[in-house]
PDB file of N, CA and C in Angstrom:
ATOM      1  N   UNK A   1      12.219  20.024  -0.993  1.00  0.00           N
ATOM      2  CA  UNK A   1      11.980  18.607  -0.772  1.00  0.00           C
ATOM      3  C   UNK A   1      12.882  17.425  -0.532  1.00  0.00           C
ATOM      4  N   UNK A   2      14.231  17.703  -0.264  1.00  0.00           N
ATOM      5  CA  UNK A   2      15.239  16.606   0.704  1.00  0.00           C
ATOM      6  C   UNK A   2      14.766  16.880   1.977  1.00  0.00           C
ATOM      7  N   UNK A   3      14.225  17.897   2.978  1.00  0.00           N
ATOM      8  CA  UNK A   3      13.727  17.823   3.589  1.00  0.00           C
ATOM      9  C   UNK A   3      13.107  16.787   4.128  1.00  0.00           C
ATOM     10  N   UNK A   4      12.109  16.113   3.268  1.00  0.00           N
ATOM     11  CA  UNK A   4      10.519  15.589   3.143  1.00  0.00           C
ATOM     12  C   UNK A   4      11.474  13.935   3.047  1.00  0.00           C
ATOM     13  N   UNK A   5      12.813  13.973   2.392  1.00  0.00           N
ATOM     14  CA  UNK A   5      13.045  12.571   2.449  1.00  0.00           C
ATOM     15  C   UNK A   5      13.957  12.661   3.727  1.00  0.00           C
ATOM     16  N   UNK A   6      15.022  13.280   4.155  1.00  0.00           N
ATOM     17  CA  UNK A   6      15.829  13.282   5.029  1.00  0.00           C
ATOM     18  C   UNK A   6      14.753  12.777   6.368  1.00  0.00           C
ATOM     19  N   UNK A   7      13.481  13.480   6.811  1.00  0.00           N
ATOM     20  CA  UNK A   7      12.781  12.788   7.805  1.00  0.00           C
ATOM     21  C   UNK A   7      11.425  11.759   7.224  1.00  0.00           C
ATOM     22  N   UNK A   8      11.604  11.654   6.696  1.00  0.00           N
ATOM     23  CA  UNK A   8      10.459  10.726   5.877  1.00  0.00           C
ATOM     24  C   UNK A   8      10.756   9.393   6.977  1.00  0.00           C
ATOM     25  N   UNK A   9       9.497   8.955   7.827  1.00  0.00           N
ATOM     26  CA  UNK A   9       9.467   7.455   8.226  1.00  0.00           C
ATOM     27  C   UNK A   9      10.011   6.082   7.374  1.00  0.00           C
ATOM     28  N   UNK A  10      10.849   5.635   8.589  1.00  0.00           N
ATOM     29  CA  UNK A  10      11.064   4.200   7.297  1.00  0.00           C
ATOM     30  C   UNK A  10       9.700   3.164   7.296  1.00  0.00           C
ATOM     31  N   UNK A  11      10.596   2.103   6.352  1.00  0.00           N
ATOM     32  CA  UNK A  11       9.240   1.062   5.600  1.00  0.00           C
ATOM     33  C   UNK A  11       9.107   0.518   7.412  1.00  0.00           C
ATOM     34  N   UNK A  12       7.621  -0.143   7.366  1.00  0.00           N
ATOM     35  CA  UNK A  12       6.903  -0.566   8.114  1.00  0.00           C
ATOM     36  C   UNK A  12       6.610  -2.220   7.626  1.00  0.00           C
ATOM     37  N   UNK A  13       6.997  -3.080   8.493  1.00  0.00           N
ATOM     38  CA  UNK A  13       6.635  -4.496   8.571  1.00  0.00           C
ATOM     39  C   UNK A  13       5.113  -5.180   8.478  1.00  0.00           C
ATOM     40  N   UNK A  14       4.708  -6.068   8.009  1.00  0.00           N
ATOM     41  CA  UNK A  14       3.987  -6.712   7.783  1.00  0.00           C
ATOM     42  C   UNK A  14       2.817  -6.507   8.990  1.00  0.00           C
ATOM     43  N   UNK A  15       3.291  -6.785  10.210  1.00  0.00           N
ATOM     44  CA  UNK A  15       2.244  -6.979  11.634  1.00  0.00           C
ATOM     45  C   UNK A  15       1.744  -5.764  11.618  1.00  0.00           C
ATOM     46  N   UNK A  16       2.810  -4.642  11.515  1.00  0.00           N
ATOM     47  CA  UNK A  16       2.688  -3.179  11.528  1.00  0.00           C
ATOM     48  C   UNK A  16       1.829  -2.889  10.972  1.00  0.00           C
ATOM     49  N   UNK A  17       1.432  -3.095   9.608  1.00  0.00           N
ATOM     50  CA  UNK A  17       0.841  -3.028   8.258  1.00  0.00           C
ATOM     51  C   UNK A  17      -1.026  -3.587   8.976  1.00  0.00           C
ATOM     52  N   UNK A  18      -1.081  -4.598   9.013  1.00  0.00           N
ATOM     53  CA  UNK A  18      -2.214  -5.830   9.153  1.00  0.00           C
ATOM     54  C   UNK A  18      -2.980  -5.095  10.625  1.00  0.00           C
ATOM     55  N   UNK A  19      -2.062  -4.450  11.406  1.00  0.00           N
ATOM     56  CA  UNK A  19      -2.851  -3.534  12.627  1.00  0.00           C
ATOM     57  C   UNK A  19      -3.131  -2.639  12.001  1.00  0.00           C
ATOM     58  N   UNK A  20      -2.041  -1.455  11.678  1.00  0.00           N
ATOM     59  CA  UNK A  20      -2.843  -0.257  11.182  1.00  0.00           C
ATOM     60  C   UNK A  20      -3.974  -0.255  10.353  1.00  0.00           C
ATOM     61  N   UNK A  21      -3.876  -1.242   9.470  1.00  0.00           N
ATOM     62  CA  UNK A  21      -5.249  -1.330   8.343  1.00  0.00           C
ATOM     63  C   UNK A  21      -6.547  -1.929   9.481  1.00  0.00           C
ATOM     64  N   UNK A  22      -6.496  -2.609  10.114  1.00  0.00           N
ATOM     65  CA  UNK A  22      -7.394  -3.437  11.226  1.00  0.00           C
ATOM     66  C   UNK A  22      -7.984  -2.086  11.811  1.00  0.00           C
ATOM     67  N   UNK A  23      -7.232  -0.949  12.210  1.00  0.00           N
ATOM     68  CA  UNK A  23      -7.752  -0.025  12.836  1.00  0.00           C
ATOM     69  C   UNK A  23      -8.183   0.851  12.143  1.00  0.00           C
ATOM     70  N   UNK A  24      -8.555   1.012  11.002  1.00  0.00           N
ATOM     71  CA  UNK A  24      -9.249   1.718   9.667  1.00  0.00           C
ATOM     72  C   UNK A  24      -7.781   3.100   9.212  1.00  0.00           C
ATOM     73  N   UNK A  25      -6.936   3.073   9.442  1.00  0.00           N
ATOM     74  CA  UNK A  25      -5.540   3.212   8.917  1.00  0.00           C
ATOM     75  C   UNK A  25      -5.514   3.055   7.320  1.00  0.00           C
ATOM     76  N   UNK A  26      -4.741   3.996   6.856  1.00  0.00           N
ATOM     77  CA  UNK A  26      -5.501   3.893   4.906  1.00  0.00           C
ATOM     78  C   UNK A  26      -4.199   2.761   4.488  1.00  0.00           C
ATOM     79  N   UNK A  27      -4.470   1.565   4.084  1.00  0.00           N
ATOM     80  CA  UNK A  27      -3.588   0.930   3.314  1.00  0.00           C
ATOM     81  C   UNK A  27      -3.639   1.127   1.961  1.00  0.00           C
ATOM     82  N   UNK A  28      -2.564   1.393   1.171  1.00  0.00           N
ATOM     83  CA  UNK A  28      -2.515   2.125  -0.327  1.00  0.00           C
ATOM     84  C   UNK A  28      -2.433   0.694  -1.184  1.00  0.00           C
ATOM     85  N   UNK A  29      -2.891   0.051  -2.262  1.00  0.00           N
ATOM     86  CA  UNK A  29      -2.766  -0.974  -3.018  1.00  0.00           C
ATOM     87  C   UNK A  29      -2.311  -0.729  -3.939  1.00  0.00           C
ATOM     88  N   UNK A  30      -1.059  -0.510  -4.616  1.00  0.00           N
ATOM     89  CA  UNK A  30      -0.834   0.292  -5.851  1.00  0.00           C
ATOM     90  C   UNK A  30      -0.457  -0.614  -7.157  1.00  0.00           C
ATOM     91  N   UNK A  31      -0.931  -2.207  -6.693  1.00  0.00           N
ATOM     92  CA  UNK A  31      -0.583  -3.228  -7.748  1.00  0.00           C
ATOM     93  C   UNK A  31      -1.727  -2.844  -8.732  1.00  0.00           C
ATOM     94  N   UNK A  32      -1.184  -3.722 -10.125  1.00  0.00           N
ATOM     95  CA  UNK A  32      -2.595  -3.225 -11.022  1.00  0.00           C
ATOM     96  C   UNK A  32      -3.658  -4.309 -11.285  1.00  0.00           C
ATOM     97  N   UNK A  33      -4.722  -3.586 -11.681  1.00  0.00           N
ATOM     98  CA  UNK A  33      -6.148  -4.564 -11.770  1.00  0.00           C
ATOM     99  C   UNK A  33      -6.720  -5.875 -11.002  1.00  0.00           C
ATOM    100  N   UNK A  34      -5.260  -6.536 -12.144  1.00  0.00           N
ATOM    101  CA  UNK A  34      -5.736  -8.307 -12.185  1.00  0.00           C
ATOM    102  C   UNK A  34      -5.620  -8.512 -11.403  1.00  0.00           C
ATOM    103  N   UNK A  35      -3.880  -7.724 -10.415  1.00  0.00           N
ATOM    104  CA  UNK A  35      -3.464  -8.666  -8.960  1.00  0.00           C
ATOM    105  C   UNK A  35      -4.220  -8.134  -8.019  1.00  0.00           C
ATOM    106  N   UNK A  36      -4.584  -7.099  -7.971  1.00  0.00           N
ATOM    107  CA  UNK A  36      -6.097  -6.682  -6.878  1.00  0.00           C
ATOM    108  C   UNK A  36      -7.037  -7.248  -7.316  1.00  0.00           C
ATOM    109  N   UNK A  37      -7.556  -8.104  -8.129  1.00  0.00           N
ATOM    110  CA  UNK A  37      -9.446  -8.800  -8.059  1.00  0.00           C
ATOM    111  C   UNK A  37      -8.467 -10.245  -7.831  1.00  0.00           C
ATOM    112  N   UNK A  38      -7.407 -10.894  -7.946  1.00  0.00           N
ATOM    113  CA  UNK A  38      -6.968 -12.015  -7.605  1.00  0.00           C
ATOM    114  C   UNK A  38      -6.754 -12.125  -6.437  1.00  0.00           C
ATOM    115  N   UNK A  39      -6.659 -10.680  -5.430  1.00  0.00           N
ATOM    116  CA  UNK A  39      -6.443 -11.068  -3.926  1.00  0.00           C
ATOM    117  C   UNK A  39      -5.810 -10.083  -3.476  1.00  0.00           C
ATOM    118  N   UNK A  40      -7.158  -9.258  -2.402  1.00  0.00           N
ATOM    119  CA  UNK A  40      -6.164  -7.889  -1.833  1.00  0.00           C
ATOM    120  C   UNK A  40      -6.694  -7.971  -0.264  1.00  0.00           C
ATOM    121  N   UNK A  41      -5.868  -7.066   0.584  1.00  0.00           N
ATOM    122  CA  UNK A  41      -6.679  -6.393   1.652  1.00  0.00           C
ATOM    123  C   UNK A  41      -7.937  -5.801   2.187  1.00  0.00           C
ATOM    124  N   UNK A  42      -8.953  -6.390   2.588  1.00  0.00           N
ATOM    125  CA  UNK A  42     -10.593  -6.030   3.005  1.00  0.00           C
ATOM    126  C   UNK A  42     -10.204  -4.885   2.535  1.00  0.00           C
ATOM    127  N   UNK A  43      -9.679  -4.205   3.229  1.00  0.00           N
ATOM    128  CA  UNK A  43     -10.002  -2.352   3.429  1.00  0.00           C
ATOM    129  C   UNK A  43      -8.629  -1.393   2.880  1.00  0.00           C
ATOM    130  N   UNK A  44      -8.321  -2.359   2.078  1.00  0.00           N
ATOM    131  CA  UNK A  44      -7.094  -1.333   1.520  1.00  0.00           C
ATOM    132  C   UNK A  44      -7.668  -0.277  -0.100  1.00  0.00           C
ATOM    133  N   UNK A  45      -7.371   0.907   0.142  1.00  0.00           N
ATOM    134  CA  UNK A  45      -7.776   1.545  -1.153  1.00  0.00           C
ATOM    135  C   UNK A  45      -7.243   1.155  -2.265  1.00  0.00           C
ATOM    136  N   UNK A  46      -7.342   0.870  -3.362  1.00  0.00           N
ATOM    137  CA  UNK A  46      -6.679   0.596  -4.909  1.00  0.00           C
ATOM    138  C   UNK A  46      -6.589   1.767  -5.867  1.00  0.00           C
ATOM    139  N   UNK A  47      -5.615   1.852  -5.924  1.00  0.00           N
ATOM    140  CA  UNK A  47      -5.277   2.833  -6.999  1.00  0.00           C
ATOM    141  C   UNK A  47      -3.826   2.098  -7.696  1.00  0.00           C
ATOM    142  N   UNK A  48      -3.581   2.172  -9.026  1.00  0.00           N
ATOM    143  CA  UNK A  48      -2.878   1.038  -9.626  1.00  0.00           C
ATOM    144  C   UNK A  48      -1.476   2.658  -9.840  1.00  0.00           C
ATOM    145  N   UNK A  49      -0.287   2.029  -9.758  1.00  0.00           N
ATOM    146  CA  UNK A  49       0.856   2.544  -9.951  1.00  0.00           C
ATOM    147  C   UNK A  49       1.169   3.366 -10.952  1.00  0.00           C
ATOM    148  N   UNK A  50       0.343   2.988 -12.307  1.00  0.00           N
ATOM    149  CA  UNK A  50      -0.090   3.391 -13.126  1.00  0.00           C
ATOM    150  C   UNK A  50      -0.899   4.720 -13.423  1.00  0.00           C
ATOM    151  N   UNK A  51      -1.659   4.537 -12.432  1.00  0.00           N
ATOM    152  CA  UNK A  51      -2.859   5.697 -12.161  1.00  0.00           C
ATOM    153  C   UNK A  51      -2.413   6.847 -11.578  1.00  0.00           C
ATOM    154  N   UNK A  52      -2.085   6.536 -10.633  1.00  0.00           N
ATOM    155  CA  UNK A  52      -1.485   7.467  -9.465  1.00  0.00           C
ATOM    156  C   UNK A  52      -1.377   8.655  -9.878  1.00  0.00           C
ATOM    157  N   UNK A  53      -0.488   8.955 -11.103  1.00  0.00           N
ATOM    158  CA  UNK A  53       0.019  10.628 -11.225  1.00  0.00           C
ATOM    159  C   UNK A  53      -1.336  11.701 -11.545  1.00  0.00           C
ATOM    160  N   UNK A  54      -2.413  10.587 -11.995  1.00  0.00           N
ATOM    161  CA  UNK A  54      -3.863  11.280 -12.187  1.00  0.00           C
ATOM    162  C   UNK A  54      -4.210  10.971 -11.133  1.00  0.00           C
ATOM    163  N   UNK A  55      -4.590  10.499 -10.264  1.00  0.00           N
ATOM    164  CA  UNK A  55      -5.678   9.915  -8.981  1.00  0.00           C
ATOM    165  C   UNK A  55      -4.900  10.617  -7.065  1.00  0.00           C
ATOM    166  N   UNK A  56      -3.435  10.962  -7.442  1.00  0.00           N
ATOM    167  CA  UNK A  56      -3.217  11.393  -5.911  1.00  0.00           C
ATOM    168  C   UNK A  56      -3.780  12.203  -5.664  1.00  0.00           C
ATOM    169  N   UNK A  57      -4.553  13.540  -6.100  1.00  0.00           N
ATOM    170  CA  UNK A  57      -5.303  14.100  -5.274  1.00  0.00           C
ATOM    171  C   UNK A  57      -6.661  13.343  -4.304  1.00  0.00           C
ATOM    172  N   UNK A  58      -6.345  12.069  -4.616  1.00  0.00           N
ATOM    173  CA  UNK A  58      -7.464  11.152  -3.764  1.00  0.00           C
ATOM    174  C   UNK A  58      -6.985  10.869  -2.060  1.00  0.00           C
ATOM    175  N   UNK A  59      -5.538  11.115  -1.901  1.00  0.00           N
ATOM    176  CA  UNK A  59      -5.446  10.791  -1.062  1.00  0.00           C
ATOM    177  C   UNK A  59      -4.746  11.946  -0.226  1.00  0.00           C
ATOM    178  N   UNK A  60      -5.163  11.580   0.840  1.00  0.00           N
ATOM    179  CA  UNK A  60      -5.057  12.403   2.335  1.00  0.00           C
ATOM    180  C   UNK A  60      -3.572  12.752   2.214  1.00  0.00           C
ATOM    181  N   UNK A  61      -3.477  14.313   2.317  1.00  0.00           N
ATOM    182  CA  UNK A  61      -2.200  14.581   3.018  1.00  0.00           C
ATOM    183  C   UNK A  61      -1.698  15.079   4.416  1.00  0.00           C
ATOM    184  N   UNK A  62      -2.370  14.690   5.392  1.00  0.00           N
ATOM    185  CA  UNK A  62      -2.707  14.565   6.934  1.00  0.00           C
ATOM    186  C   UNK A  62      -2.829  13.124   7.523  1.00  0.00           C
ATOM    187  N   UNK A  63      -2.697  12.376   6.849  1.00  0.00           N
ATOM    188  CA  UNK A  63      -2.802  10.788   7.554  1.00  0.00           C
ATOM    189  C   UNK A  63      -1.710  10.225   7.083  1.00  0.00           C
ATOM    190  N   UNK A  64      -1.342   9.190   7.891  1.00  0.00           N
ATOM    191  CA  UNK A  64      -0.132   8.191   7.434  1.00  0.00           C
ATOM    192  C   UNK A  64      -1.068   7.485   6.294  1.00  0.00           C
ATOM    193  N   UNK A  65       0.081   6.865   5.346  1.00  0.00           N
ATOM    194  CA  UNK A  65      -0.256   5.831   4.231  1.00  0.00           C
ATOM    195  C   UNK A  65       0.254   5.182   3.955  1.00  0.00           C
ATOM    196  N   UNK A  66       0.471   3.635   4.590  1.00  0.00           N
ATOM    197  CA  UNK A  66       1.091   2.576   3.987  1.00  0.00           C
ATOM    198  C   UNK A  66       0.785   1.968   3.017  1.00  0.00           C
ATOM    199  N   UNK A  67       1.885   1.820   1.872  1.00  0.00           N
ATOM    200  CA  UNK A  67       1.584   1.530   0.755  1.00  0.00           C
ATOM    201  C   UNK A  67       2.072   0.537   0.282  1.00  0.00           C
ATOM    202  N   UNK A  68       1.410  -0.673  -0.442  1.00  0.00           N
ATOM    203  CA  UNK A  68       1.854  -2.202  -0.290  1.00  0.00           C
ATOM    204  C   UNK A  68       1.534  -2.659  -1.920  1.00  0.00           C
ATOM    205  N   UNK A  69       2.324  -3.367  -2.325  1.00  0.00           N
ATOM    206  CA  UNK A  69       2.189  -4.037  -3.686  1.00  0.00           C
ATOM    207  C   UNK A  69       2.324  -5.253  -3.515  1.00  0.00           C
ATOM    208  N   UNK A  70       2.938  -6.353  -4.875  1.00  0.00           N
ATOM    209  CA  UNK A  70       2.838  -7.571  -4.599  1.00  0.00           C
ATOM    210  C   UNK A  70       4.216  -7.978  -3.779  1.00  0.00           C
ATOM    211  N   UNK A  71       5.301  -7.211  -3.546  1.00  0.00           N
ATOM    212  CA  UNK A  71       6.855  -7.956  -2.505  1.00  0.00           C
ATOM    213  C   UNK A  71       6.783  -6.474  -2.452  1.00  0.00           C
ATOM    214  N   UNK A  72       6.852  -5.423  -2.523  1.00  0.00           N
ATOM    215  CA  UNK A  72       7.403  -4.531  -1.602  1.00  0.00           C
ATOM    216  C   UNK A  72       8.628  -2.953  -2.769  1.00  0.00           C
ATOM    217  N   UNK A  73       8.926  -4.090  -4.272  1.00  0.00           N
ATOM    218  CA  UNK A  73       9.053  -3.062  -5.082  1.00  0.00           C
ATOM    219  C   UNK A  73       8.452  -1.459  -5.489  1.00  0.00           C
ATOM    220  N   UNK A  74       7.361  -2.278  -6.448  1.00  0.00           N
ATOM    221  CA  UNK A  74       6.932  -0.997  -6.614  1.00  0.00           C
ATOM    222  C   UNK A  74       6.237  -0.169  -5.421  1.00  0.00           C
ATOM    223  N   UNK A  75       5.725  -0.806  -4.387  1.00  0.00           N
ATOM    224  CA  UNK A  75       5.349   0.197  -3.351  1.00  0.00           C
ATOM    225  C   UNK A  75       6.632   1.463  -2.705  1.00  0.00           C
ATOM    226  N   UNK A  76       7.893   0.736  -2.880  1.00  0.00           N
ATOM    227  CA  UNK A  76       8.900   1.506  -2.692  1.00  0.00           C
ATOM    228  C   UNK A  76       9.343   2.678  -3.303  1.00  0.00           C
ATOM    229  N   UNK A  77       8.688   2.559  -4.696  1.00  0.00           N
ATOM    230  CA  UNK A  77       8.997   3.842  -5.382  1.00  0.00           C
ATOM    231  C   UNK A  77       7.997   4.349  -4.955  1.00  0.00           C
ATOM    232  N   UNK A  78       6.561   4.371  -4.854  1.00  0.00           N
ATOM    233  CA  UNK A  78       5.009   4.984  -5.027  1.00  0.00           C
ATOM    234  C   UNK A  78       5.837   5.479  -3.678  1.00  0.00           C
ATOM    235  N   UNK A  79       6.099   5.381  -2.471  1.00  0.00           N
ATOM    236  CA  UNK A  79       6.577   5.740  -1.368  1.00  0.00           C
ATOM    237  C   UNK A  79       7.480   6.975  -1.689  1.00  0.00           C
ATOM    238  N   UNK A  80       8.512   6.472  -2.469  1.00  0.00           N
ATOM    239  CA  UNK A  80       9.403   7.730  -2.546  1.00  0.00           C
ATOM    240  C   UNK A  80       8.676   8.752  -3.240  1.00  0.00           C
ATOM    241  N   UNK A  81       7.796   8.787  -4.297  1.00  0.00           N
ATOM    242  CA  UNK A  81       6.933   9.742  -4.965  1.00  0.00           C
ATOM    243  C   UNK A  81       6.419  10.476  -4.214  1.00  0.00           C
ATOM    244  N   UNK A  82       5.486   9.717  -3.524  1.00  0.00           N
ATOM    245  CA  UNK A  82       4.541  10.402  -2.293  1.00  0.00           C
ATOM    246  C   UNK A  82       5.136  11.175  -1.125  1.00  0.00           C
ATOM    247  N   UNK A  83       6.488  11.040  -0.515  1.00  0.00           N
ATOM    248  CA  UNK A  83       6.827  11.632   0.113  1.00  0.00           C
ATOM    249  C   UNK A  83       7.498  12.938  -0.301  1.00  0.00           C
ATOM    250  N   UNK A  84       8.266  12.287  -1.867  1.00  0.00           N
ATOM    251  CA  UNK A  84       9.337  13.788  -2.334  1.00  0.00           C
ATOM    252  C   UNK A  84       7.585  14.660  -2.531  1.00  0.00           C
ATOM    253  N   UNK A  85       6.336  14.214  -2.640  1.00  0.00           N
ATOM    254  CA  UNK A  85       5.400  15.263  -2.677  1.00  0.00           C
ATOM    255  C   UNK A  85       4.682  15.719  -1.171  1.00  0.00           C
ATOM    256  N   UNK A  86       5.347  15.218  -0.113  1.00  0.00           N
ATOM    257  CA  UNK A  86       5.161  16.108   0.746  1.00  0.00           C
ATOM    258  C   UNK A  86       4.026  15.190   1.679  1.00  0.00           C
ATOM    259  N   UNK A  87       3.632  13.699   1.157  1.00  0.00           N
ATOM    260  CA  UNK A  87       2.344  12.887   1.568  1.00  0.00           C
ATOM    261  C   UNK A  87       3.448  12.163   2.673  1.00  0.00           C
ATOM    262  N   UNK A  88       2.628  11.600   3.911  1.00  0.00           N
ATOM    263  CA  UNK A  88       3.433  10.755   4.895  1.00  0.00           C
ATOM    264  C   UNK A  88       3.409   9.158   4.389  1.00  0.00           C
ATOM    265  N   UNK A  89       3.686   9.151   3.721  1.00  0.00           N
ATOM    266  CA  UNK A  89       3.621   7.746   3.602  1.00  0.00           C
ATOM    267  C   UNK A  89       4.621   6.721   3.631  1.00  0.00           C
ATOM    268  N   UNK A  90       4.292   5.717   4.102  1.00  0.00           N
ATOM    269  CA  UNK A  90       5.701   4.415   4.345  1.00  0.00           C
ATOM    270  C   UNK A  90       5.066   3.442   3.746  1.00  0.00           C
ATOM    271  N   UNK A  91       6.322   2.735   3.184  1.00  0.00           N
ATOM    272  CA  UNK A  91       6.414   1.182   2.304  1.00  0.00           C
ATOM    273  C   UNK A  91       5.936  -0.115   3.250  1.00  0.00           C
ATOM    274  N   UNK A  92       5.499  -0.726   3.054  1.00  0.00           N
ATOM    275  CA  UNK A  92       4.938  -1.936   3.370  1.00  0.00           C
ATOM    276  C   UNK A  92       6.076  -3.004   3.059  1.00  0.00           C
ATOM    277  N   UNK A  93       7.118  -4.117   3.969  1.00  0.00           N
ATOM    278  CA  UNK A  93       7.835  -4.345   3.534  1.00  0.00           C
ATOM    279  C   UNK A  93       7.305  -5.918   3.017  1.00  0.00           C
ATOM    280  N   UNK A  94       7.906  -6.066   2.082  1.00  0.00           N
ATOM    281  CA  UNK A  94       7.203  -7.826   1.524  1.00  0.00           C
ATOM    282  C   UNK A  94       6.079  -8.002   0.685  1.00  0.00           C
ATOM    283  N   UNK A  95       5.049  -6.695   0.894  1.00  0.00           N
ATOM    284  CA  UNK A  95       4.078  -6.439   0.210  1.00  0.00           C
ATOM    285  C   UNK A  95       3.159  -7.422   0.634  1.00  0.00           C
ATOM    286  N   UNK A  96       2.399  -8.143  -0.256  1.00  0.00           N
ATOM    287  CA  UNK A  96       0.981  -9.102  -0.429  1.00  0.00           C
ATOM    288  C   UNK A  96       1.370 -10.180  -0.106  1.00  0.00           C
ATOM    289  N   UNK A  97       2.926 -10.510  -0.451  1.00  0.00           N
ATOM    290  CA  UNK A  97       2.589 -11.626  -0.467  1.00  0.00           C
ATOM    291  C   UNK A  97       3.653 -12.027   0.851  1.00  0.00           C
ATOM    292  N   UNK A  98       4.229 -10.725   2.156  1.00  0.00           N
ATOM    293  CA  UNK A  98       4.646 -10.421   3.142  1.00  0.00           C
ATOM    294  C   UNK A  98       3.104 -10.905   4.417  1.00  0.00           C
ATOM    295  N   UNK A  99       2.146 -10.246   3.632  1.00  0.00           N
ATOM    296  CA  UNK A  99       0.757  -9.989   3.947  1.00  0.00           C
ATOM    297  C   UNK A  99       0.157 -11.474   4.487  1.00  0.00           C
ATOM    298  N   UNK A 100      -0.072 -11.924   3.511  1.00  0.00           N
ATOM    299  CA  UNK A 100      -0.416 -13.675   3.268  1.00  0.00           C
ATOM    300  C   UNK A 100       0.444 -14.484   3.941  1.00  0.00           C
ATOM    301  N   UNK A 101       1.547 -14.403   4.146  1.00  0.00           N
ATOM    302  CA  UNK A 101       2.335 -15.248   4.936  1.00  0.00           C
ATOM    303  C   UNK A 101       2.098 -14.672   6.831  1.00  0.00           C
ATOM    304  N   UNK A 102       1.894 -13.709   6.826  1.00  0.00           N
ATOM    305  CA  UNK A 102       1.502 -13.616   8.124  1.00  0.00           C
ATOM    306  C   UNK A 102       0.463 -13.617   8.841  1.00  0.00           C
ATOM    307  N   UNK A 103      -0.565 -14.079   7.823  1.00  0.00           N
ATOM    308  CA  UNK A 103      -2.232 -14.531   8.145  1.00  0.00           C
ATOM    309  C   UNK A 103      -3.038 -13.209   7.797  1.00  0.00           C
ATOM    310  N   UNK A 104      -2.556 -12.169   7.195  1.00  0.00           N
ATOM    311  CA  UNK A 104      -3.515 -11.523   6.946  1.00  0.00           C
ATOM    312  C   UNK A 104      -4.380 -11.223   6.080  1.00  0.00           C
ATOM    313  N   UNK A 105      -5.765 -11.099   6.428  1.00  0.00           N
ATOM    314  CA  UNK A 105      -7.022 -11.441   5.082  1.00  0.00           C
ATOM    315  C   UNK A 105      -6.798 -10.720   4.263  1.00  0.00           C
ATOM    316  N   UNK A 106      -7.620 -12.293   3.064  1.00  0.00           N
ATOM    317  CA  UNK A 106      -7.167 -11.586   1.840  1.00  0.00           C
ATOM    318  C   UNK A 106      -8.559 -11.765   1.104  1.00  0.00           C
ATOM    319  N   UNK A 107      -9.086 -11.272   0.589  1.00  0.00           N
ATOM    320  CA  UNK A 107     -10.576 -11.264  -0.376  1.00  0.00           C
ATOM    321  C   UNK A 107     -10.121 -11.122  -1.753  1.00  0.00           C
ATOM    322  N   UNK A 108     -11.158 -11.527  -2.804  1.00  0.00           N
ATOM    323  CA  UNK A 108     -11.161 -11.237  -4.022  1.00  0.00           C
ATOM    324  C   UNK A 108     -11.680 -10.793  -4.720  1.00  0.00           C
ATOM    325  N   UNK A 109     -11.924 -10.343  -5.518  1.00  0.00           N
ATOM    326  CA  UNK A 109     -13.421  -9.453  -6.619  1.00  0.00           C
ATOM    327  C   UNK A 109     -13.965 -10.484  -7.479  1.00  0.00           C
ATOM    328  N   UNK A 110     -13.293 -11.399  -7.970  1.00  0.00           N
ATOM    329  CA  UNK A 110     -13.884 -13.099  -8.454  1.00  0.00           C
ATOM    330  C   UNK A 110     -14.503 -13.647  -7.905  1.00  0.00           C
ATOM    331  N   UNK A 111     -14.528 -14.615  -8.603  1.00  0.00           N
ATOM    332  CA  UNK A 111     -15.126 -16.119  -8.298  1.00  0.00           C
ATOM    333  C   UNK A 111     -13.880 -17.428  -7.741  1.00  0.00           C
ATOM    334  N   UNK A 112     -12.952 -16.846  -8.267  1.00  0.00           N
ATOM    335  CA  UNK A 112     -12.080 -17.685  -7.881  1.00  0.00           C
ATOM    336  C   UNK A 112     -11.286 -17.595  -6.001  1.00  0.00           C
ATOM    337  N   UNK A 113     -10.652 -18.844  -5.623  1.00  0.00           N
ATOM    338  CA  UNK A 113     -10.123 -18.123  -4.578  1.00  0.00           C
ATOM    339  C   UNK A 113      -9.251 -17.101  -4.162  1.00  0.00           C
ATOM    340  N   UNK A 114      -9.049 -16.484  -3.344  1.00  0.00           N
ATOM    341  CA  UNK A 114      -7.926 -15.463  -3.246  1.00  0.00           C
ATOM    342  C   UNK A 114      -6.573 -15.489  -3.308  1.00  0.00           C
ATOM    343  N   UNK A 115      -5.780 -14.851  -3.953  1.00  0.00           N
ATOM    344  CA  UNK A 115      -4.621 -15.497  -3.835  1.00  0.00           C
ATOM    345  C   UNK A 115      -3.780 -14.263  -4.613  1.00  0.00           C
ATOM    346  N   UNK A 116      -2.090 -14.012  -4.003  1.00  0.00           N
ATOM    347  CA  UNK A 116      -1.389 -13.135  -4.311  1.00  0.00           C
ATOM    348  C   UNK A 116      -0.337 -13.234  -5.547  1.00  0.00           C
TER     349      UNK A 116
END
């Protein structure tokens, strides 16, 4: 497992993440349901950090996964765990806050304007 950590790619900036998600790449949003409902990237896949242990088999092992949360802390923890388990994951620096500031599209699940 240490080899995975040593060879794991570093974090990505939000501009790279926006382009990656826009080209069909897997953007994994690990925020909780209320955060997701308030606003999220339209193409993101939602698996809350609290459910990831039970749902990790839903993720591909052979394609890059960009992991995002509100500001980058939880997504870094998830990225570390995924890399340790052999997944090609990278953390999105600044999270959804940076996404919104960079002009990334945000949609909501409810009736209120989207927010992060």
